[in-house]
Amino acid sequence: MSILNGFYKSKYANCSEYKNAPCYRSLISIAFFEYYLHCLMLEEVRKEINKFTSSAREAEKYILTYDFDEDDPTFLMEFYPLEFVEGWGAIYVDHTHTCYPLILYPQAHKIKTSTRIEGFLHAVESIHGEVDNLLNLFLKYEIIRHLEDDAQIKSNWSNYHKDLHTFIHNQYS
């Protein structure tokens, strides 16, 4: 059961810099934020971010779940490397209802010259490089799990997204 239920109605996944392009940093961070809201253990989240980073670097499968029930885990994200004719890419499946599944192919993006998979890996490195700031952001917005008023929820999401982008693009863009 998603704590962030209804978040998918926001424009969280949209990149403000490039129209009609998802913000990979936002997509990745929301899956880990959802994970944090379930476990409330920052070091556990840090370990998962490190595992995800290693998996993405090594082109290995990664699945982030939260186990409410051993027989029925809740999926938050899936990353599956794939071989394409032009090189390797991946499929990223978001289970937070923030974005459709992404095909990260090894061809140049229509706006930038890097490939989709390179852009995604760059975002993974950004998350990894800013993990302390990200975890502090999770603490700051933990209140979201207790809010019931739609206006407060929307306001907190907007602020979370703005705060995320104050540091996530700085050193790694």
N, C-alpha and C. Protein backbone atom coordinates (compact mmCIF):
# COMPACT_ATOMS: atom_id res chain seq x y z
N MET A 1 0.84 -1.18 0.00
CA MET A 1 0.00 0.00 0.00
C MET A 1 0.88 1.24 0.00
N SER A 2 0.65 2.11 -0.93
CA SER A 2 1.48 3.30 -1.08
C SER A 2 1.09 4.39 -0.09
N ILE A 3 2.07 4.89 0.62
CA ILE A 3 1.85 6.04 1.50
C ILE A 3 1.67 7.29 0.64
N LEU A 4 2.34 7.30 -0.48
CA LEU A 4 2.32 8.47 -1.35
C LEU A 4 1.15 8.42 -2.33
N ASN A 5 0.09 7.75 -1.94
CA ASN A 5 -1.08 7.59 -2.79
C ASN A 5 -1.59 8.96 -3.25
N GLY A 6 -1.83 9.08 -4.53
CA GLY A 6 -2.31 10.33 -5.09
C GLY A 6 -1.21 11.22 -5.59
N PHE A 7 0.03 10.89 -5.27
CA PHE A 7 1.15 11.71 -5.70
C PHE A 7 1.30 11.68 -7.21
N TYR A 8 0.88 10.57 -7.82
CA TYR A 8 1.00 10.41 -9.26
C TYR A 8 0.21 11.47 -10.03
N LYS A 9 -0.72 12.14 -9.37
CA LYS A 9 -1.51 13.17 -10.04
C LYS A 9 -0.71 14.46 -10.22
N SER A 10 0.42 14.56 -9.56
CA SER A 10 1.23 15.76 -9.65
C SER A 10 2.08 15.73 -10.93
N LYS A 11 2.79 16.78 -11.14
CA LYS A 11 3.69 16.86 -12.29
C LYS A 11 5.12 16.58 -11.84
N TYR A 12 5.26 15.78 -10.81
CA TYR A 12 6.54 15.51 -10.19
C TYR A 12 7.57 14.93 -11.14
N ALA A 13 7.13 14.07 -12.04
CA ALA A 13 8.08 13.39 -12.94
C ALA A 13 8.52 14.27 -14.09
N ASN A 14 7.84 15.38 -14.32
CA ASN A 14 8.19 16.24 -15.44
C ASN A 14 9.46 17.01 -15.15
N CYS A 15 10.29 17.13 -16.16
CA CYS A 15 11.52 17.89 -16.03
C CYS A 15 11.23 19.34 -16.40
N SER A 16 11.57 20.26 -15.53
CA SER A 16 11.31 21.67 -15.80
C SER A 16 12.28 22.24 -16.83
N GLU A 17 13.44 21.59 -16.98
CA GLU A 17 14.46 22.08 -17.91
C GLU A 17 14.15 21.69 -19.36
N TYR A 18 13.65 20.47 -19.55
CA TYR A 18 13.34 19.97 -20.89
C TYR A 18 11.89 19.51 -20.92
N LYS A 19 11.11 20.07 -21.81
CA LYS A 19 9.69 19.72 -21.91
C LYS A 19 9.53 18.29 -22.42
N ASN A 20 8.50 17.63 -21.93
CA ASN A 20 8.17 16.26 -22.33
C ASN A 20 9.28 15.26 -22.03
N ALA A 21 10.03 15.52 -20.99
CA ALA A 21 11.10 14.60 -20.59
C ALA A 21 10.97 14.35 -19.09
N PRO A 22 11.09 13.12 -18.66
CA PRO A 22 11.01 12.85 -17.22
C PRO A 22 12.29 13.27 -16.51
N CYS A 23 12.16 13.65 -15.27
CA CYS A 23 13.32 13.97 -14.44
C CYS A 23 13.73 12.69 -13.73
N TYR A 24 14.77 12.04 -14.22
CA TYR A 24 15.20 10.78 -13.64
C TYR A 24 15.53 10.91 -12.16
N ARG A 25 16.13 12.02 -11.77
CA ARG A 25 16.49 12.22 -10.36
C ARG A 25 15.23 12.20 -9.48
N SER A 26 14.18 12.85 -9.96
CA SER A 26 12.93 12.87 -9.21
C SER A 26 12.32 11.49 -9.11
N LEU A 27 12.31 10.76 -10.22
CA LEU A 27 11.73 9.41 -10.23
C LEU A 27 12.44 8.49 -9.25
N ILE A 28 13.75 8.53 -9.28
CA ILE A 28 14.54 7.67 -8.39
C ILE A 28 14.32 8.07 -6.94
N SER A 29 14.35 9.37 -6.68
CA SER A 29 14.22 9.82 -5.28
C SER A 29 12.86 9.48 -4.69
N ILE A 30 11.80 9.54 -5.49
CA ILE A 30 10.48 9.27 -4.93
C ILE A 30 10.35 7.80 -4.52
N ALA A 31 10.97 6.90 -5.26
CA ALA A 31 10.92 5.48 -4.88
C ALA A 31 11.63 5.28 -3.54
N PHE A 32 12.78 5.93 -3.37
CA PHE A 32 13.50 5.80 -2.11
C PHE A 32 12.80 6.55 -0.97
N PHE A 33 12.11 7.64 -1.29
CA PHE A 33 11.33 8.35 -0.27
C PHE A 33 10.19 7.47 0.21
N GLU A 34 9.50 6.84 -0.72
CA GLU A 34 8.42 5.91 -0.34
C GLU A 34 8.99 4.79 0.54
N TYR A 35 10.14 4.27 0.17
CA TYR A 35 10.79 3.21 0.96
C TYR A 35 11.07 3.72 2.38
N TYR A 36 11.61 4.93 2.47
CA TYR A 36 11.89 5.52 3.78
C TYR A 36 10.61 5.67 4.60
N LEU A 37 9.54 6.12 3.99
CA LEU A 37 8.29 6.33 4.72
C LEU A 37 7.73 5.03 5.29
N HIS A 38 8.12 3.90 4.72
CA HIS A 38 7.70 2.60 5.24
C HIS A 38 8.63 2.11 6.35
N CYS A 39 9.93 2.23 6.14
CA CYS A 39 10.86 1.65 7.13
C CYS A 39 11.32 2.64 8.19
N LEU A 40 11.34 3.94 7.86
CA LEU A 40 11.78 5.01 8.78
C LEU A 40 13.17 4.76 9.34
N MET A 41 14.04 4.15 8.54
CA MET A 41 15.42 3.89 8.94
C MET A 41 16.35 4.45 7.86
N LEU A 42 16.98 5.57 8.17
CA LEU A 42 17.82 6.24 7.18
C LEU A 42 18.98 5.37 6.69
N GLU A 43 19.60 4.63 7.59
CA GLU A 43 20.74 3.79 7.18
C GLU A 43 20.30 2.67 6.26
N GLU A 44 19.11 2.17 6.44
CA GLU A 44 18.57 1.14 5.54
C GLU A 44 18.36 1.74 4.14
N VAL A 45 17.87 2.95 4.09
CA VAL A 45 17.67 3.63 2.80
C VAL A 45 19.02 3.88 2.14
N ARG A 46 19.99 4.33 2.92
CA ARG A 46 21.34 4.56 2.39
C ARG A 46 21.90 3.27 1.77
N LYS A 47 21.72 2.15 2.45
CA LYS A 47 22.20 0.86 1.92
C LYS A 47 21.53 0.53 0.60
N GLU A 48 20.23 0.78 0.52
CA GLU A 48 19.50 0.49 -0.73
C GLU A 48 19.95 1.41 -1.86
N ILE A 49 20.21 2.67 -1.55
CA ILE A 49 20.71 3.60 -2.58
C ILE A 49 22.07 3.12 -3.07
N ASN A 50 22.92 2.67 -2.16
CA ASN A 50 24.23 2.14 -2.56
C ASN A 50 24.09 0.89 -3.41
N LYS A 51 23.16 0.00 -3.05
CA LYS A 51 22.93 -1.22 -3.84
C LYS A 51 22.43 -0.86 -5.24
N PHE A 52 21.50 0.08 -5.30
CA PHE A 52 20.97 0.50 -6.59
C PHE A 52 22.07 1.11 -7.46
N THR A 53 22.89 1.97 -6.87
CA THR A 53 23.98 2.60 -7.61
C THR A 53 24.93 1.54 -8.16
N SER A 54 25.32 0.59 -7.32
CA SER A 54 26.21 -0.48 -7.78
C SER A 54 25.57 -1.30 -8.89
N SER A 55 24.30 -1.62 -8.74
CA SER A 55 23.60 -2.40 -9.76
C SER A 55 23.55 -1.65 -11.09
N ALA A 56 23.23 -0.37 -11.04
CA ALA A 56 23.16 0.42 -12.27
C ALA A 56 24.54 0.54 -12.92
N ARG A 57 25.57 0.77 -12.12
CA ARG A 57 26.94 0.87 -12.67
C ARG A 57 27.38 -0.43 -13.34
N GLU A 58 27.01 -1.54 -12.75
CA GLU A 58 27.44 -2.86 -13.24
C GLU A 58 26.43 -3.49 -14.21
N ALA A 59 25.41 -2.76 -14.57
CA ALA A 59 24.35 -3.26 -15.46
C ALA A 59 23.75 -4.56 -14.92
N GLU A 60 23.35 -4.50 -13.66
CA GLU A 60 22.74 -5.65 -13.00
C GLU A 60 21.30 -5.31 -12.60
N LYS A 61 20.47 -6.32 -12.57
CA LYS A 61 19.07 -6.15 -12.18
C LYS A 61 18.99 -5.64 -10.73
N TYR A 62 18.02 -4.76 -10.49
CA TYR A 62 17.78 -4.25 -9.14
C TYR A 62 16.27 -4.10 -8.96
N ILE A 63 15.77 -4.55 -7.82
CA ILE A 63 14.35 -4.40 -7.49
C ILE A 63 14.25 -3.87 -6.07
N LEU A 64 13.54 -2.77 -5.89
CA LEU A 64 13.32 -2.19 -4.56
C LEU A 64 11.90 -2.55 -4.13
N THR A 65 11.82 -3.28 -3.03
CA THR A 65 10.51 -3.67 -2.49
C THR A 65 10.46 -3.34 -1.01
N TYR A 66 9.25 -3.23 -0.53
CA TYR A 66 9.03 -3.17 0.91
C TYR A 66 8.12 -4.33 1.24
N ASP A 67 8.53 -5.15 2.16
CA ASP A 67 7.79 -6.37 2.47
C ASP A 67 6.84 -6.18 3.64
N PHE A 68 5.60 -5.81 3.33
CA PHE A 68 4.55 -5.80 4.35
C PHE A 68 4.22 -7.23 4.72
N ASP A 69 4.24 -8.04 3.70
CA ASP A 69 3.86 -9.44 3.82
C ASP A 69 4.88 -10.24 3.01
N GLU A 70 5.52 -11.23 3.62
CA GLU A 70 6.54 -12.00 2.92
C GLU A 70 6.03 -12.60 1.62
N ASP A 71 4.76 -12.96 1.58
CA ASP A 71 4.18 -13.58 0.39
C ASP A 71 3.75 -12.57 -0.67
N ASP A 72 3.68 -11.31 -0.30
CA ASP A 72 3.19 -10.30 -1.23
C ASP A 72 3.94 -8.98 -1.03
N PRO A 73 5.20 -8.89 -1.51
CA PRO A 73 5.97 -7.66 -1.32
C PRO A 73 5.40 -6.51 -2.15
N THR A 74 5.61 -5.29 -1.69
CA THR A 74 5.22 -4.10 -2.41
C THR A 74 6.41 -3.63 -3.24
N PHE A 75 6.24 -3.57 -4.55
CA PHE A 75 7.31 -3.13 -5.44
C PHE A 75 7.32 -1.61 -5.52
N LEU A 76 8.51 -1.01 -5.46
CA LEU A 76 8.65 0.43 -5.58
C LEU A 76 9.37 0.82 -6.86
N MET A 77 10.35 0.02 -7.28
CA MET A 77 11.05 0.27 -8.55
C MET A 77 11.70 -1.02 -9.02
N GLU A 78 11.88 -1.10 -10.34
CA GLU A 78 12.60 -2.22 -10.94
C GLU A 78 13.53 -1.66 -12.02
N PHE A 79 14.72 -2.22 -12.10
CA PHE A 79 15.72 -1.82 -13.10
C PHE A 79 16.25 -3.08 -13.75
N TYR A 80 16.04 -3.19 -15.06
CA TYR A 80 16.45 -4.38 -15.80
C TYR A 80 17.36 -3.99 -16.96
N PRO A 81 18.64 -4.31 -16.90
CA PRO A 81 19.54 -4.05 -18.03
C PRO A 81 19.16 -4.90 -19.24
N LEU A 82 19.36 -4.35 -20.41
CA LEU A 82 19.06 -5.03 -21.67
C LEU A 82 20.18 -4.81 -22.67
N GLU A 83 20.41 -5.80 -23.51
CA GLU A 83 21.35 -5.64 -24.62
C GLU A 83 20.58 -5.17 -25.84
N PHE A 84 21.01 -4.08 -26.42
CA PHE A 84 20.48 -3.58 -27.68
C PHE A 84 21.54 -3.78 -28.74
N VAL A 85 21.19 -3.63 -30.00
CA VAL A 85 22.17 -3.75 -31.08
C VAL A 85 23.28 -2.73 -30.90
N GLU A 86 22.92 -1.52 -30.47
CA GLU A 86 23.89 -0.42 -30.34
C GLU A 86 24.66 -0.43 -29.02
N GLY A 87 24.32 -1.31 -28.09
CA GLY A 87 24.97 -1.34 -26.77
C GLY A 87 23.95 -1.70 -25.71
N TRP A 88 24.29 -1.44 -24.47
CA TRP A 88 23.35 -1.81 -23.41
C TRP A 88 22.48 -0.63 -23.02
N GLY A 89 21.30 -0.97 -22.57
CA GLY A 89 20.33 -0.02 -22.07
C GLY A 89 19.60 -0.67 -20.91
N ALA A 90 18.41 -0.21 -20.61
CA ALA A 90 17.67 -0.78 -19.48
C ALA A 90 16.20 -0.41 -19.57
N ILE A 91 15.42 -1.11 -18.79
CA ILE A 91 14.03 -0.75 -18.54
C ILE A 91 13.95 -0.35 -17.07
N TYR A 92 13.35 0.81 -16.81
CA TYR A 92 13.11 1.26 -15.44
C TYR A 92 11.61 1.27 -15.24
N VAL A 93 11.15 0.51 -14.25
CA VAL A 93 9.72 0.43 -13.96
C VAL A 93 9.47 1.10 -12.61
N ASP A 94 8.67 2.15 -12.65
CA ASP A 94 8.30 2.90 -11.45
C ASP A 94 6.98 2.35 -10.92
N HIS A 95 6.95 1.99 -9.65
CA HIS A 95 5.71 1.48 -9.04
C HIS A 95 5.10 2.48 -8.06
N THR A 96 5.55 3.73 -8.10
CA THR A 96 4.97 4.75 -7.23
C THR A 96 3.89 5.54 -7.96
N HIS A 97 3.56 5.14 -9.15
CA HIS A 97 2.55 5.80 -9.99
C HIS A 97 2.97 7.21 -10.38
N THR A 98 4.27 7.43 -10.46
CA THR A 98 4.79 8.74 -10.83
C THR A 98 5.08 8.81 -12.32
N CYS A 99 5.39 7.68 -12.93
CA CYS A 99 5.80 7.68 -14.33
C CYS A 99 5.50 6.32 -14.95
N TYR A 100 5.35 6.31 -16.22
CA TYR A 100 5.20 5.09 -17.00
C TYR A 100 6.56 4.37 -17.04
N PRO A 101 6.60 3.10 -17.40
CA PRO A 101 7.91 2.41 -17.54
C PRO A 101 8.76 3.11 -18.60
N LEU A 102 10.04 3.23 -18.32
CA LEU A 102 10.96 3.91 -19.23
C LEU A 102 11.87 2.92 -19.93
N ILE A 103 12.04 3.08 -21.22
CA ILE A 103 13.03 2.33 -21.98
C ILE A 103 14.24 3.25 -22.10
N LEU A 104 15.33 2.86 -21.50
CA LEU A 104 16.56 3.67 -21.49
C LEU A 104 17.50 3.09 -22.54
N TYR A 105 17.31 3.52 -23.76
CA TYR A 105 18.05 2.94 -24.88
C TYR A 105 19.39 3.64 -25.09
N PRO A 106 20.29 2.97 -25.82
CA PRO A 106 21.64 3.51 -26.00
C PRO A 106 21.77 4.42 -27.23
N GLN A 107 20.74 5.19 -27.52
CA GLN A 107 20.80 6.13 -28.63
C GLN A 107 20.70 7.54 -28.08
N ALA A 108 21.21 8.49 -28.84
CA ALA A 108 21.24 9.87 -28.37
C ALA A 108 19.83 10.40 -28.13
N HIS A 109 19.71 11.16 -27.06
CA HIS A 109 18.46 11.84 -26.71
C HIS A 109 18.20 12.91 -27.76
N LYS A 110 16.94 13.22 -27.98
CA LYS A 110 16.61 14.20 -29.01
C LYS A 110 17.05 15.62 -28.66
N ILE A 111 17.31 15.89 -27.39
CA ILE A 111 17.69 17.24 -26.97
C ILE A 111 19.19 17.33 -26.69
N LYS A 112 19.70 16.37 -25.97
CA LYS A 112 21.12 16.34 -25.63
C LYS A 112 21.80 15.27 -26.48
N THR A 113 23.10 15.26 -26.47
CA THR A 113 23.83 14.27 -27.27
C THR A 113 24.10 12.98 -26.52
N SER A 114 23.88 12.95 -25.23
CA SER A 114 24.10 11.71 -24.48
C SER A 114 22.94 10.75 -24.73
N THR A 115 23.19 9.47 -24.50
CA THR A 115 22.14 8.47 -24.67
C THR A 115 21.20 8.51 -23.47
N ARG A 116 20.05 7.90 -23.62
CA ARG A 116 19.09 7.86 -22.50
C ARG A 116 19.69 7.12 -21.31
N ILE A 117 20.38 6.02 -21.57
CA ILE A 117 20.96 5.27 -20.46
C ILE A 117 22.07 6.08 -19.79
N GLU A 118 22.87 6.82 -20.56
CA GLU A 118 23.90 7.68 -19.95
C GLU A 118 23.26 8.75 -19.07
N GLY A 119 22.17 9.34 -19.55
CA GLY A 119 21.46 10.34 -18.75
C GLY A 119 20.92 9.75 -17.46
N PHE A 120 20.38 8.55 -17.56
CA PHE A 120 19.85 7.88 -16.37
C PHE A 120 20.98 7.57 -15.39
N LEU A 121 22.09 7.04 -15.89
CA LEU A 121 23.23 6.73 -15.02
C LEU A 121 23.79 7.99 -14.37
N HIS A 122 23.77 9.08 -15.10
CA HIS A 122 24.21 10.37 -14.54
C HIS A 122 23.30 10.76 -13.37
N ALA A 123 22.01 10.53 -13.53
CA ALA A 123 21.05 10.82 -12.45
C ALA A 123 21.30 9.91 -11.25
N VAL A 124 21.60 8.65 -11.50
CA VAL A 124 21.92 7.71 -10.41
C VAL A 124 23.13 8.22 -9.63
N GLU A 125 24.15 8.67 -10.34
CA GLU A 125 25.34 9.21 -9.68
C GLU A 125 25.01 10.48 -8.89
N SER A 126 24.10 11.29 -9.40
CA SER A 126 23.67 12.49 -8.68
C SER A 126 23.01 12.12 -7.36
N ILE A 127 22.12 11.14 -7.40
CA ILE A 127 21.46 10.68 -6.18
C ILE A 127 22.49 10.14 -5.20
N HIS A 128 23.40 9.32 -5.69
CA HIS A 128 24.43 8.73 -4.84
C HIS A 128 25.34 9.81 -4.24
N GLY A 129 25.71 10.78 -5.05
CA GLY A 129 26.61 11.85 -4.59
C GLY A 129 25.97 12.80 -3.59
N GLU A 130 24.66 12.87 -3.61
CA GLU A 130 23.94 13.78 -2.72
C GLU A 130 23.10 13.03 -1.69
N VAL A 131 23.51 11.81 -1.37
CA VAL A 131 22.70 10.96 -0.49
C VAL A 131 22.43 11.60 0.87
N ASP A 132 23.40 12.28 1.45
CA ASP A 132 23.17 12.91 2.76
C ASP A 132 22.09 14.00 2.67
N ASN A 133 22.18 14.83 1.64
CA ASN A 133 21.15 15.86 1.44
C ASN A 133 19.79 15.23 1.17
N LEU A 134 19.77 14.15 0.42
CA LEU A 134 18.51 13.46 0.11
C LEU A 134 17.88 12.89 1.38
N LEU A 135 18.69 12.25 2.21
CA LEU A 135 18.16 11.68 3.45
C LEU A 135 17.66 12.77 4.39
N ASN A 136 18.34 13.90 4.43
CA ASN A 136 17.86 15.03 5.24
C ASN A 136 16.52 15.55 4.70
N LEU A 137 16.37 15.53 3.40
CA LEU A 137 15.10 15.94 2.80
C LEU A 137 13.98 14.98 3.19
N PHE A 138 14.28 13.69 3.22
CA PHE A 138 13.29 12.70 3.65
C PHE A 138 12.83 12.99 5.08
N LEU A 139 13.78 13.30 5.94
CA LEU A 139 13.43 13.64 7.33
C LEU A 139 12.54 14.87 7.39
N LYS A 140 12.91 15.88 6.62
CA LYS A 140 12.18 17.14 6.63
C LYS A 140 10.72 16.96 6.19
N TYR A 141 10.50 16.09 5.21
CA TYR A 141 9.15 15.92 4.66
C TYR A 141 8.47 14.63 5.11
N GLU A 142 8.98 14.02 6.14
CA GLU A 142 8.35 12.81 6.69
C GLU A 142 6.90 13.08 7.10
N ILE A 143 6.58 14.31 7.43
CA ILE A 143 5.23 14.68 7.85
C ILE A 143 4.18 14.34 6.78
N ILE A 144 4.60 14.23 5.53
CA ILE A 144 3.67 13.93 4.45
C ILE A 144 2.86 12.67 4.74
N ARG A 145 3.47 11.73 5.42
CA ARG A 145 2.78 10.46 5.70
C ARG A 145 1.58 10.63 6.63
N HIS A 146 1.52 11.75 7.35
CA HIS A 146 0.43 11.98 8.30
C HIS A 146 -0.61 12.99 7.82
N LEU A 147 -0.34 13.66 6.72
CA LEU A 147 -1.25 14.69 6.23
C LEU A 147 -2.48 14.09 5.57
N GLU A 148 -3.61 14.73 5.78
CA GLU A 148 -4.85 14.28 5.16
C GLU A 148 -5.47 15.35 4.27
N ASP A 149 -5.14 16.60 4.52
CA ASP A 149 -5.68 17.70 3.74
C ASP A 149 -4.97 17.78 2.38
N ASP A 150 -5.74 17.72 1.30
CA ASP A 150 -5.17 17.71 -0.05
C ASP A 150 -4.31 18.94 -0.33
N ALA A 151 -4.73 20.10 0.14
CA ALA A 151 -3.96 21.32 -0.10
C ALA A 151 -2.60 21.25 0.60
N GLN A 152 -2.58 20.74 1.82
CA GLN A 152 -1.31 20.60 2.54
C GLN A 152 -0.41 19.56 1.87
N ILE A 153 -0.99 18.48 1.42
CA ILE A 153 -0.22 17.44 0.74
C ILE A 153 0.41 18.02 -0.53
N LYS A 154 -0.40 18.70 -1.32
CA LYS A 154 0.10 19.29 -2.57
C LYS A 154 1.19 20.32 -2.30
N SER A 155 1.00 21.14 -1.29
CA SER A 155 1.99 22.14 -0.93
C SER A 155 3.31 21.49 -0.50
N ASN A 156 3.22 20.45 0.32
CA ASN A 156 4.43 19.76 0.76
C ASN A 156 5.14 19.08 -0.40
N TRP A 157 4.38 18.49 -1.34
CA TRP A 157 5.01 17.87 -2.51
C TRP A 157 5.73 18.90 -3.35
N SER A 158 5.10 20.02 -3.57
CA SER A 158 5.72 21.08 -4.35
C SER A 158 7.01 21.54 -3.69
N ASN A 159 6.95 21.74 -2.38
CA ASN A 159 8.14 22.17 -1.65
C ASN A 159 9.23 21.11 -1.66
N TYR A 160 8.84 19.84 -1.52
CA TYR A 160 9.81 18.74 -1.58
C TYR A 160 10.54 18.76 -2.93
N HIS A 161 9.77 18.89 -3.98
CA HIS A 161 10.35 18.88 -5.32
C HIS A 161 11.29 20.07 -5.53
N LYS A 162 10.88 21.24 -5.09
CA LYS A 162 11.74 22.43 -5.19
C LYS A 162 13.02 22.23 -4.38
N ASP A 163 12.87 21.74 -3.15
CA ASP A 163 14.04 21.52 -2.29
C ASP A 163 14.98 20.48 -2.90
N LEU A 164 14.43 19.42 -3.46
CA LEU A 164 15.25 18.39 -4.11
C LEU A 164 16.12 19.01 -5.19
N HIS A 165 15.54 19.89 -5.99
CA HIS A 165 16.28 20.47 -7.10
C HIS A 165 17.20 21.62 -6.71
N THR A 166 17.19 22.01 -5.44
CA THR A 166 18.18 23.00 -5.01
C THR A 166 19.56 22.39 -4.88
N PHE A 167 19.62 21.07 -4.69
CA PHE A 167 20.93 20.44 -4.55
C PHE A 167 21.20 19.33 -5.55
N ILE A 168 20.20 18.71 -6.08
CA ILE A 168 20.42 17.49 -6.86
C ILE A 168 21.08 17.77 -8.22
N HIS A 169 20.92 18.97 -8.74
CA HIS A 169 21.53 19.31 -10.03
C HIS A 169 22.85 20.08 -9.87
N ASN A 170 23.13 20.59 -8.68
CA ASN A 170 24.27 21.48 -8.50
C ASN A 170 25.59 20.94 -9.02
N GLN A 171 26.08 19.88 -8.41
CA GLN A 171 27.42 19.38 -8.68
C GLN A 171 27.46 18.42 -9.86
N TYR A 172 26.35 17.83 -10.21
CA TYR A 172 26.37 16.71 -11.15
C TYR A 172 25.72 17.00 -12.49
N SER A 173 25.23 18.20 -12.71
CA SER A 173 24.53 18.49 -13.97
C SER A 173 25.49 18.75 -15.10
